[in-house]
Amino acid sequence: MQNEVIKYGKDECYTPKWIFDKLGLIFDLDVASSNHHLITVPAKQKYTIDDDALSKPWFGRVWMNPPFTKVTPWVDKFIQHGNGLCLVPTSSNGKWGNKLWDSDAGCTFLPANMWFVGASGHIVKHRWRCAMFALGDDNVAALRNIGKVKL
């Protein structure tokens, strides 16, 4: 990776591999993926922007790192699906934050200094902290490998 640090990345930010290493899970579907070679999500199938995941059926255990500029419809579908893990920003005035918090999802906060990988391989640091939410007993158990979980 380049040494360049971008503080305000665009929506094309990939979850770092250490997250998946700690979770130790295989996902059936990555619902907000890309065909980029830097994607490290251990998923059997994926939907990219060309697939329009919000209009498609979700199945099995899903991984969701949605576009941070338009989180609400993704969170709604994630809660409705009820099986998977998602990574979202914690700074939100949107109702979606309350929907996740009030759901049956387990939640843990990620490190404040966490970075993502941008499409060109550069480091992306967001101005907000991120959290992960898990729906489903096995997913909540795996989330405990990341940090303390609120139920």
N, C-alpha and C. Protein backbone atom coordinates (compact mmCIF):
# COMPACT_ATOMS: atom_id res chain seq x y z
N MET A 1 0.83 -1.18 0.00
CA MET A 1 0.00 0.00 0.00
C MET A 1 0.87 1.24 0.00
N GLN A 2 0.32 2.28 -0.54
CA GLN A 2 1.03 3.54 -0.54
C GLN A 2 1.00 4.13 0.86
N ASN A 3 1.90 5.04 1.15
CA ASN A 3 1.93 5.71 2.44
C ASN A 3 0.92 6.83 2.53
N GLU A 4 0.32 7.15 1.41
CA GLU A 4 -0.66 8.23 1.36
C GLU A 4 -1.86 7.90 2.26
N VAL A 5 -2.28 8.87 3.04
CA VAL A 5 -3.46 8.71 3.89
C VAL A 5 -4.52 9.67 3.42
N ILE A 6 -5.70 9.17 3.16
CA ILE A 6 -6.82 10.01 2.75
C ILE A 6 -7.82 10.02 3.89
N LYS A 7 -8.12 11.18 4.44
CA LYS A 7 -8.99 11.27 5.61
C LYS A 7 -10.46 11.11 5.26
N TYR A 8 -10.87 11.54 4.11
CA TYR A 8 -12.28 11.47 3.76
C TYR A 8 -12.42 10.71 2.45
N GLY A 9 -12.47 9.39 2.57
CA GLY A 9 -12.57 8.54 1.39
C GLY A 9 -13.96 8.54 0.81
N LYS A 10 -14.09 7.99 -0.38
CA LYS A 10 -15.39 7.84 -1.02
C LYS A 10 -15.99 6.51 -0.58
N ASP A 11 -17.09 6.13 -1.18
CA ASP A 11 -17.76 4.90 -0.79
C ASP A 11 -16.99 3.64 -1.14
N GLU A 12 -16.00 3.72 -1.97
CA GLU A 12 -15.23 2.55 -2.37
C GLU A 12 -14.09 2.34 -1.36
N CYS A 13 -14.47 1.84 -0.17
CA CYS A 13 -13.52 1.57 0.90
C CYS A 13 -13.70 0.12 1.34
N TYR A 14 -12.64 -0.65 1.30
CA TYR A 14 -12.71 -2.08 1.57
C TYR A 14 -12.34 -2.39 3.01
N THR A 15 -13.08 -3.30 3.59
CA THR A 15 -12.84 -3.72 4.97
C THR A 15 -11.48 -4.40 5.07
N PRO A 16 -10.69 -4.03 6.08
CA PRO A 16 -9.38 -4.67 6.21
C PRO A 16 -9.49 -6.15 6.55
N LYS A 17 -8.54 -6.93 6.08
CA LYS A 17 -8.54 -8.38 6.22
C LYS A 17 -8.56 -8.84 7.67
N TRP A 18 -7.96 -8.08 8.58
CA TRP A 18 -7.90 -8.51 9.97
C TRP A 18 -9.29 -8.72 10.56
N ILE A 19 -10.27 -7.98 10.10
CA ILE A 19 -11.65 -8.15 10.58
C ILE A 19 -12.11 -9.58 10.30
N PHE A 20 -11.92 -10.02 9.08
CA PHE A 20 -12.38 -11.36 8.68
C PHE A 20 -11.55 -12.45 9.35
N ASP A 21 -10.25 -12.19 9.53
CA ASP A 21 -9.40 -13.15 10.23
C ASP A 21 -9.91 -13.38 11.65
N LYS A 22 -10.30 -12.30 12.34
CA LYS A 22 -10.79 -12.42 13.72
C LYS A 22 -12.17 -13.05 13.77
N LEU A 23 -13.03 -12.72 12.82
CA LEU A 23 -14.39 -13.28 12.83
C LEU A 23 -14.36 -14.79 12.59
N GLY A 24 -13.51 -15.25 11.69
CA GLY A 24 -13.40 -16.67 11.39
C GLY A 24 -14.64 -17.25 10.73
N LEU A 25 -15.36 -16.45 9.98
CA LEU A 25 -16.59 -16.89 9.33
C LEU A 25 -16.44 -16.90 7.81
N ILE A 26 -17.25 -17.73 7.18
CA ILE A 26 -17.43 -17.70 5.73
C ILE A 26 -18.84 -17.16 5.49
N PHE A 27 -18.95 -16.22 4.61
CA PHE A 27 -20.25 -15.62 4.31
C PHE A 27 -20.82 -16.24 3.03
N ASP A 28 -22.12 -16.37 3.00
CA ASP A 28 -22.77 -16.86 1.79
C ASP A 28 -22.84 -15.77 0.74
N LEU A 29 -22.97 -14.50 1.20
CA LEU A 29 -23.15 -13.39 0.27
C LEU A 29 -22.58 -12.11 0.82
N ASP A 30 -21.75 -11.44 0.02
CA ASP A 30 -21.28 -10.08 0.28
C ASP A 30 -22.20 -9.19 -0.53
N VAL A 31 -23.06 -8.43 0.15
CA VAL A 31 -24.13 -7.71 -0.55
C VAL A 31 -23.71 -6.36 -1.14
N ALA A 32 -22.58 -5.83 -0.73
CA ALA A 32 -22.13 -4.52 -1.24
C ALA A 32 -20.67 -4.62 -1.64
N SER A 33 -20.39 -5.48 -2.58
CA SER A 33 -19.02 -5.81 -2.94
C SER A 33 -18.56 -5.09 -4.20
N SER A 34 -17.44 -5.53 -4.68
CA SER A 34 -16.81 -5.00 -5.89
C SER A 34 -16.04 -6.15 -6.54
N ASN A 35 -15.66 -5.97 -7.77
CA ASN A 35 -14.81 -6.95 -8.43
C ASN A 35 -13.33 -6.62 -8.27
N HIS A 36 -13.03 -5.69 -7.40
CA HIS A 36 -11.66 -5.23 -7.20
C HIS A 36 -10.81 -6.33 -6.55
N HIS A 37 -9.55 -6.42 -6.95
CA HIS A 37 -8.65 -7.45 -6.43
C HIS A 37 -8.29 -7.27 -4.96
N LEU A 38 -8.56 -6.11 -4.38
CA LEU A 38 -8.23 -5.87 -2.97
C LEU A 38 -9.33 -6.32 -2.00
N ILE A 39 -10.43 -6.81 -2.51
CA ILE A 39 -11.52 -7.30 -1.66
C ILE A 39 -11.06 -8.58 -0.96
N THR A 40 -11.21 -8.62 0.38
CA THR A 40 -10.77 -9.78 1.15
C THR A 40 -11.93 -10.48 1.86
N VAL A 41 -13.16 -10.16 1.52
CA VAL A 41 -14.32 -10.76 2.17
C VAL A 41 -14.40 -12.25 1.81
N PRO A 42 -14.41 -13.14 2.80
CA PRO A 42 -14.54 -14.57 2.51
C PRO A 42 -16.00 -14.93 2.25
N ALA A 43 -16.46 -14.63 1.05
CA ALA A 43 -17.86 -14.87 0.69
C ALA A 43 -17.94 -15.77 -0.54
N LYS A 44 -18.92 -16.64 -0.53
CA LYS A 44 -19.13 -17.57 -1.65
C LYS A 44 -19.66 -16.85 -2.88
N GLN A 45 -20.50 -15.84 -2.66
CA GLN A 45 -21.05 -15.04 -3.76
C GLN A 45 -21.06 -13.58 -3.36
N LYS A 46 -21.20 -12.72 -4.34
CA LYS A 46 -21.24 -11.29 -4.04
C LYS A 46 -22.14 -10.57 -5.02
N TYR A 47 -22.65 -9.46 -4.55
CA TYR A 47 -23.37 -8.50 -5.39
C TYR A 47 -22.51 -7.26 -5.49
N THR A 48 -22.34 -6.76 -6.69
CA THR A 48 -21.62 -5.51 -6.91
C THR A 48 -22.63 -4.41 -7.23
N ILE A 49 -22.16 -3.22 -7.45
CA ILE A 49 -23.03 -2.11 -7.79
C ILE A 49 -23.85 -2.41 -9.05
N ASP A 50 -23.28 -3.18 -9.95
CA ASP A 50 -23.99 -3.54 -11.17
C ASP A 50 -25.17 -4.49 -10.92
N ASP A 51 -25.13 -5.22 -9.80
CA ASP A 51 -26.19 -6.17 -9.47
C ASP A 51 -27.38 -5.53 -8.77
N ASP A 52 -27.21 -4.35 -8.20
CA ASP A 52 -28.28 -3.67 -7.46
C ASP A 52 -28.82 -4.57 -6.35
N ALA A 53 -28.00 -4.81 -5.33
CA ALA A 53 -28.31 -5.74 -4.24
C ALA A 53 -29.60 -5.42 -3.51
N LEU A 54 -29.99 -4.17 -3.49
CA LEU A 54 -31.22 -3.82 -2.77
C LEU A 54 -32.47 -4.35 -3.46
N SER A 55 -32.36 -4.68 -4.75
CA SER A 55 -33.51 -5.21 -5.48
C SER A 55 -33.44 -6.74 -5.61
N LYS A 56 -32.37 -7.34 -5.11
CA LYS A 56 -32.17 -8.78 -5.23
C LYS A 56 -32.45 -9.47 -3.89
N PRO A 57 -32.74 -10.78 -3.95
CA PRO A 57 -32.91 -11.52 -2.69
C PRO A 57 -31.56 -11.74 -2.01
N TRP A 58 -31.55 -11.64 -0.70
CA TRP A 58 -30.37 -11.97 0.08
C TRP A 58 -30.58 -13.36 0.65
N PHE A 59 -29.49 -14.09 0.84
CA PHE A 59 -29.60 -15.46 1.32
C PHE A 59 -28.43 -15.79 2.23
N GLY A 60 -28.68 -16.71 3.17
CA GLY A 60 -27.64 -17.18 4.06
C GLY A 60 -27.07 -16.09 4.93
N ARG A 61 -25.82 -16.31 5.36
CA ARG A 61 -25.11 -15.33 6.18
C ARG A 61 -24.56 -14.26 5.26
N VAL A 62 -24.93 -13.00 5.50
CA VAL A 62 -24.47 -11.91 4.64
C VAL A 62 -23.42 -11.06 5.36
N TRP A 63 -22.55 -10.50 4.55
CA TRP A 63 -21.61 -9.46 4.98
C TRP A 63 -22.05 -8.18 4.30
N MET A 64 -22.09 -7.09 5.09
CA MET A 64 -22.51 -5.81 4.52
C MET A 64 -21.62 -4.68 5.02
N ASN A 65 -20.88 -4.08 4.12
CA ASN A 65 -20.17 -2.82 4.35
C ASN A 65 -20.77 -1.88 3.30
N PRO A 66 -21.89 -1.23 3.65
CA PRO A 66 -22.66 -0.47 2.65
C PRO A 66 -22.01 0.85 2.31
N PRO A 67 -22.49 1.49 1.24
CA PRO A 67 -22.02 2.86 0.95
C PRO A 67 -22.39 3.76 2.13
N PHE A 68 -21.40 4.40 2.73
CA PHE A 68 -21.65 5.24 3.90
C PHE A 68 -22.47 6.49 3.56
N THR A 69 -22.58 6.82 2.29
CA THR A 69 -23.36 8.00 1.89
C THR A 69 -24.85 7.70 1.77
N LYS A 70 -25.22 6.41 1.84
CA LYS A 70 -26.64 6.05 1.71
C LYS A 70 -26.90 4.75 2.47
N VAL A 71 -26.88 4.84 3.80
CA VAL A 71 -26.92 3.65 4.64
C VAL A 71 -28.34 3.13 4.87
N THR A 72 -29.32 4.01 4.95
CA THR A 72 -30.67 3.62 5.38
C THR A 72 -31.27 2.42 4.65
N PRO A 73 -31.34 2.39 3.33
CA PRO A 73 -31.98 1.24 2.69
C PRO A 73 -31.23 -0.07 2.94
N TRP A 74 -29.93 0.02 3.11
CA TRP A 74 -29.12 -1.16 3.37
C TRP A 74 -29.41 -1.71 4.77
N VAL A 75 -29.49 -0.82 5.75
CA VAL A 75 -29.79 -1.24 7.12
C VAL A 75 -31.19 -1.85 7.19
N ASP A 76 -32.14 -1.24 6.53
CA ASP A 76 -33.50 -1.78 6.51
C ASP A 76 -33.51 -3.21 5.99
N LYS A 77 -32.81 -3.45 4.89
CA LYS A 77 -32.80 -4.79 4.30
C LYS A 77 -32.00 -5.77 5.17
N PHE A 78 -30.93 -5.29 5.80
CA PHE A 78 -30.11 -6.12 6.69
C PHE A 78 -30.96 -6.60 7.87
N ILE A 79 -31.69 -5.71 8.50
CA ILE A 79 -32.53 -6.09 9.63
C ILE A 79 -33.62 -7.05 9.18
N GLN A 80 -34.22 -6.77 8.06
CA GLN A 80 -35.27 -7.65 7.53
C GLN A 80 -34.71 -9.05 7.24
N HIS A 81 -33.50 -9.11 6.71
CA HIS A 81 -32.88 -10.41 6.39
C HIS A 81 -32.60 -11.21 7.67
N GLY A 82 -32.01 -10.55 8.68
CA GLY A 82 -31.85 -11.17 9.99
C GLY A 82 -30.72 -12.16 10.17
N ASN A 83 -29.76 -12.22 9.25
CA ASN A 83 -28.65 -13.17 9.39
C ASN A 83 -27.40 -12.61 8.76
N GLY A 84 -26.50 -12.09 9.59
CA GLY A 84 -25.25 -11.58 9.04
C GLY A 84 -24.58 -10.57 9.94
N LEU A 85 -23.56 -9.95 9.36
CA LEU A 85 -22.82 -8.89 10.04
C LEU A 85 -22.71 -7.69 9.13
N CYS A 86 -22.73 -6.52 9.74
CA CYS A 86 -22.55 -5.30 8.95
C CYS A 86 -21.58 -4.36 9.65
N LEU A 87 -20.94 -3.53 8.86
CA LEU A 87 -20.01 -2.52 9.34
C LEU A 87 -20.55 -1.17 8.89
N VAL A 88 -20.79 -0.28 9.86
CA VAL A 88 -21.40 1.02 9.55
C VAL A 88 -20.72 2.12 10.35
N PRO A 89 -20.85 3.38 9.90
CA PRO A 89 -20.31 4.49 10.67
C PRO A 89 -21.19 4.71 11.91
N THR A 90 -20.59 5.22 12.99
CA THR A 90 -21.39 5.46 14.20
C THR A 90 -21.92 6.87 14.27
N SER A 91 -21.39 7.78 13.52
CA SER A 91 -21.87 9.16 13.53
C SER A 91 -22.99 9.30 12.52
N SER A 92 -24.19 9.38 13.05
CA SER A 92 -25.33 9.44 12.15
C SER A 92 -26.47 10.19 12.79
N ASN A 93 -27.10 11.02 12.01
CA ASN A 93 -28.34 11.64 12.43
C ASN A 93 -29.51 10.90 11.82
N GLY A 94 -29.21 9.84 11.08
CA GLY A 94 -30.23 9.07 10.40
C GLY A 94 -30.98 8.14 11.35
N LYS A 95 -32.20 7.84 11.01
CA LYS A 95 -33.01 6.92 11.80
C LYS A 95 -32.47 5.51 11.75
N TRP A 96 -31.67 5.20 10.74
CA TRP A 96 -31.14 3.85 10.61
C TRP A 96 -30.30 3.47 11.82
N GLY A 97 -29.60 4.42 12.43
CA GLY A 97 -28.79 4.12 13.61
C GLY A 97 -29.64 3.62 14.75
N ASN A 98 -30.77 4.27 14.96
CA ASN A 98 -31.70 3.83 16.01
C ASN A 98 -32.32 2.48 15.66
N LYS A 99 -32.60 2.26 14.39
CA LYS A 99 -33.17 0.98 13.97
C LYS A 99 -32.23 -0.17 14.31
N LEU A 100 -30.95 -0.01 14.02
CA LEU A 100 -29.98 -1.05 14.35
C LEU A 100 -29.85 -1.23 15.86
N TRP A 101 -29.73 -0.12 16.57
CA TRP A 101 -29.56 -0.16 18.02
C TRP A 101 -30.76 -0.82 18.69
N ASP A 102 -31.96 -0.55 18.19
CA ASP A 102 -33.18 -1.09 18.79
C ASP A 102 -33.51 -2.51 18.31
N SER A 103 -32.78 -3.01 17.34
CA SER A 103 -33.02 -4.36 16.81
C SER A 103 -32.43 -5.40 17.77
N ASP A 104 -32.51 -6.65 17.38
CA ASP A 104 -31.94 -7.75 18.18
C ASP A 104 -30.45 -7.93 17.91
N ALA A 105 -29.84 -7.03 17.18
CA ALA A 105 -28.44 -7.17 16.79
C ALA A 105 -27.50 -6.95 17.97
N GLY A 106 -26.42 -7.75 17.98
CA GLY A 106 -25.32 -7.47 18.88
C GLY A 106 -24.46 -6.40 18.23
N CYS A 107 -23.77 -5.61 19.05
CA CYS A 107 -22.98 -4.49 18.52
C CYS A 107 -21.64 -4.40 19.24
N THR A 108 -20.60 -4.08 18.47
CA THR A 108 -19.31 -3.73 19.05
C THR A 108 -18.73 -2.56 18.26
N PHE A 109 -17.98 -1.74 18.94
CA PHE A 109 -17.30 -0.63 18.28
C PHE A 109 -15.93 -1.09 17.80
N LEU A 110 -15.54 -0.58 16.67
CA LEU A 110 -14.22 -0.88 16.11
C LEU A 110 -13.23 0.17 16.60
N PRO A 111 -11.93 -0.10 16.51
CA PRO A 111 -10.94 0.86 16.99
C PRO A 111 -11.12 2.24 16.35
N ALA A 112 -10.93 3.27 17.16
CA ALA A 112 -11.11 4.64 16.67
C ALA A 112 -10.14 4.98 15.55
N ASN A 113 -8.99 4.35 15.52
CA ASN A 113 -7.98 4.64 14.49
C ASN A 113 -8.03 3.65 13.33
N MET A 114 -9.14 2.93 13.19
CA MET A 114 -9.24 1.92 12.14
C MET A 114 -9.14 2.55 10.75
N TRP A 115 -8.53 1.83 9.85
CA TRP A 115 -8.39 2.30 8.47
C TRP A 115 -8.99 1.28 7.52
N PHE A 116 -9.33 1.76 6.35
CA PHE A 116 -9.86 0.94 5.27
C PHE A 116 -8.86 1.00 4.12
N VAL A 117 -9.09 0.18 3.11
CA VAL A 117 -8.26 0.20 1.92
C VAL A 117 -9.07 0.82 0.79
N GLY A 118 -8.52 1.84 0.15
CA GLY A 118 -9.17 2.47 -0.98
C GLY A 118 -8.91 1.71 -2.27
N ALA A 119 -9.65 2.04 -3.30
CA ALA A 119 -9.58 1.32 -4.58
C ALA A 119 -8.18 1.35 -5.21
N SER A 120 -7.40 2.38 -4.92
CA SER A 120 -6.05 2.43 -5.50
C SER A 120 -5.01 1.82 -4.56
N GLY A 121 -5.48 1.24 -3.44
CA GLY A 121 -4.57 0.64 -2.48
C GLY A 121 -4.14 1.57 -1.37
N HIS A 122 -4.60 2.82 -1.41
CA HIS A 122 -4.22 3.79 -0.37
C HIS A 122 -5.03 3.54 0.91
N ILE A 123 -4.53 4.08 2.01
CA ILE A 123 -5.19 3.97 3.30
C ILE A 123 -6.27 5.04 3.39
N VAL A 124 -7.45 4.64 3.84
CA VAL A 124 -8.56 5.57 4.01
C VAL A 124 -8.94 5.60 5.48
N LYS A 125 -8.90 6.78 6.07
CA LYS A 125 -9.34 6.97 7.46
C LYS A 125 -10.56 7.89 7.43
N HIS A 126 -11.65 7.37 7.96
CA HIS A 126 -12.87 8.19 8.01
C HIS A 126 -12.83 9.12 9.21
N ARG A 127 -13.62 10.15 9.17
CA ARG A 127 -13.67 11.10 10.28
C ARG A 127 -14.54 10.58 11.41
N TRP A 128 -15.25 9.48 11.18
CA TRP A 128 -16.12 8.92 12.21
C TRP A 128 -15.65 7.52 12.58
N ARG A 129 -16.02 7.13 13.77
CA ARG A 129 -15.72 5.77 14.22
C ARG A 129 -16.74 4.81 13.61
N CYS A 130 -16.38 3.55 13.49
CA CYS A 130 -17.29 2.56 12.92
C CYS A 130 -17.66 1.52 13.98
N ALA A 131 -18.77 0.85 13.71
CA ALA A 131 -19.24 -0.22 14.58
C ALA A 131 -19.65 -1.39 13.70
N MET A 132 -19.73 -2.56 14.33
CA MET A 132 -20.25 -3.73 13.63
C MET A 132 -21.47 -4.24 14.38
N PHE A 133 -22.46 -4.66 13.62
CA PHE A 133 -23.68 -5.24 14.16
C PHE A 133 -23.83 -6.64 13.61
N ALA A 134 -24.33 -7.54 14.46
CA ALA A 134 -24.51 -8.94 14.07
C ALA A 134 -25.91 -9.41 14.41
N LEU A 135 -26.54 -10.08 13.46
CA LEU A 135 -27.84 -10.72 13.67
C LEU A 135 -27.68 -12.22 13.48
N GLY A 136 -28.17 -12.99 14.42
CA GLY A 136 -28.01 -14.45 14.40
C GLY A 136 -27.01 -14.86 15.46
N ASP A 137 -27.33 -15.91 16.21
CA ASP A 137 -26.50 -16.32 17.34
C ASP A 137 -25.05 -16.59 16.97
N ASP A 138 -24.80 -17.32 15.87
CA ASP A 138 -23.42 -17.62 15.46
C ASP A 138 -22.66 -16.36 15.09
N ASN A 139 -23.36 -15.42 14.50
CA ASN A 139 -22.72 -14.16 14.09
C ASN A 139 -22.38 -13.30 15.30
N VAL A 140 -23.28 -13.27 16.28
CA VAL A 140 -23.00 -12.53 17.52
C VAL A 140 -21.81 -13.15 18.23
N ALA A 141 -21.75 -14.47 18.28
CA ALA A 141 -20.62 -15.16 18.91
C ALA A 141 -19.31 -14.79 18.21
N ALA A 142 -19.31 -14.76 16.90
CA ALA A 142 -18.10 -14.39 16.14
C ALA A 142 -17.72 -12.93 16.39
N LEU A 143 -18.72 -12.08 16.57
CA LEU A 143 -18.47 -10.66 16.81
C LEU A 143 -17.69 -10.47 18.12
N ARG A 144 -17.85 -11.37 19.06
CA ARG A 144 -17.11 -11.30 20.33
C ARG A 144 -15.60 -11.43 20.11
N ASN A 145 -15.19 -11.98 18.97
CA ASN A 145 -13.76 -12.06 18.65
C ASN A 145 -13.19 -10.70 18.28
N ILE A 146 -14.06 -9.76 17.99
CA ILE A 146 -13.64 -8.39 17.65
C ILE A 146 -13.56 -7.53 18.89
N GLY A 147 -14.55 -7.65 19.78
CA GLY A 147 -14.59 -6.83 20.99
C GLY A 147 -15.82 -7.14 21.83
N LYS A 148 -15.99 -6.39 22.89
CA LYS A 148 -17.12 -6.55 23.79
C LYS A 148 -18.41 -6.26 23.01
N VAL A 149 -19.41 -7.11 23.20
CA VAL A 149 -20.64 -7.01 22.43
C VAL A 149 -21.79 -6.56 23.32
N LYS A 150 -22.50 -5.55 22.87
CA LYS A 150 -23.74 -5.10 23.49
C LYS A 150 -24.88 -5.87 22.84
N LEU A 151 -25.75 -6.43 23.67
CA LEU A 151 -26.92 -7.14 23.14
C LEU A 151 -28.18 -6.36 23.41
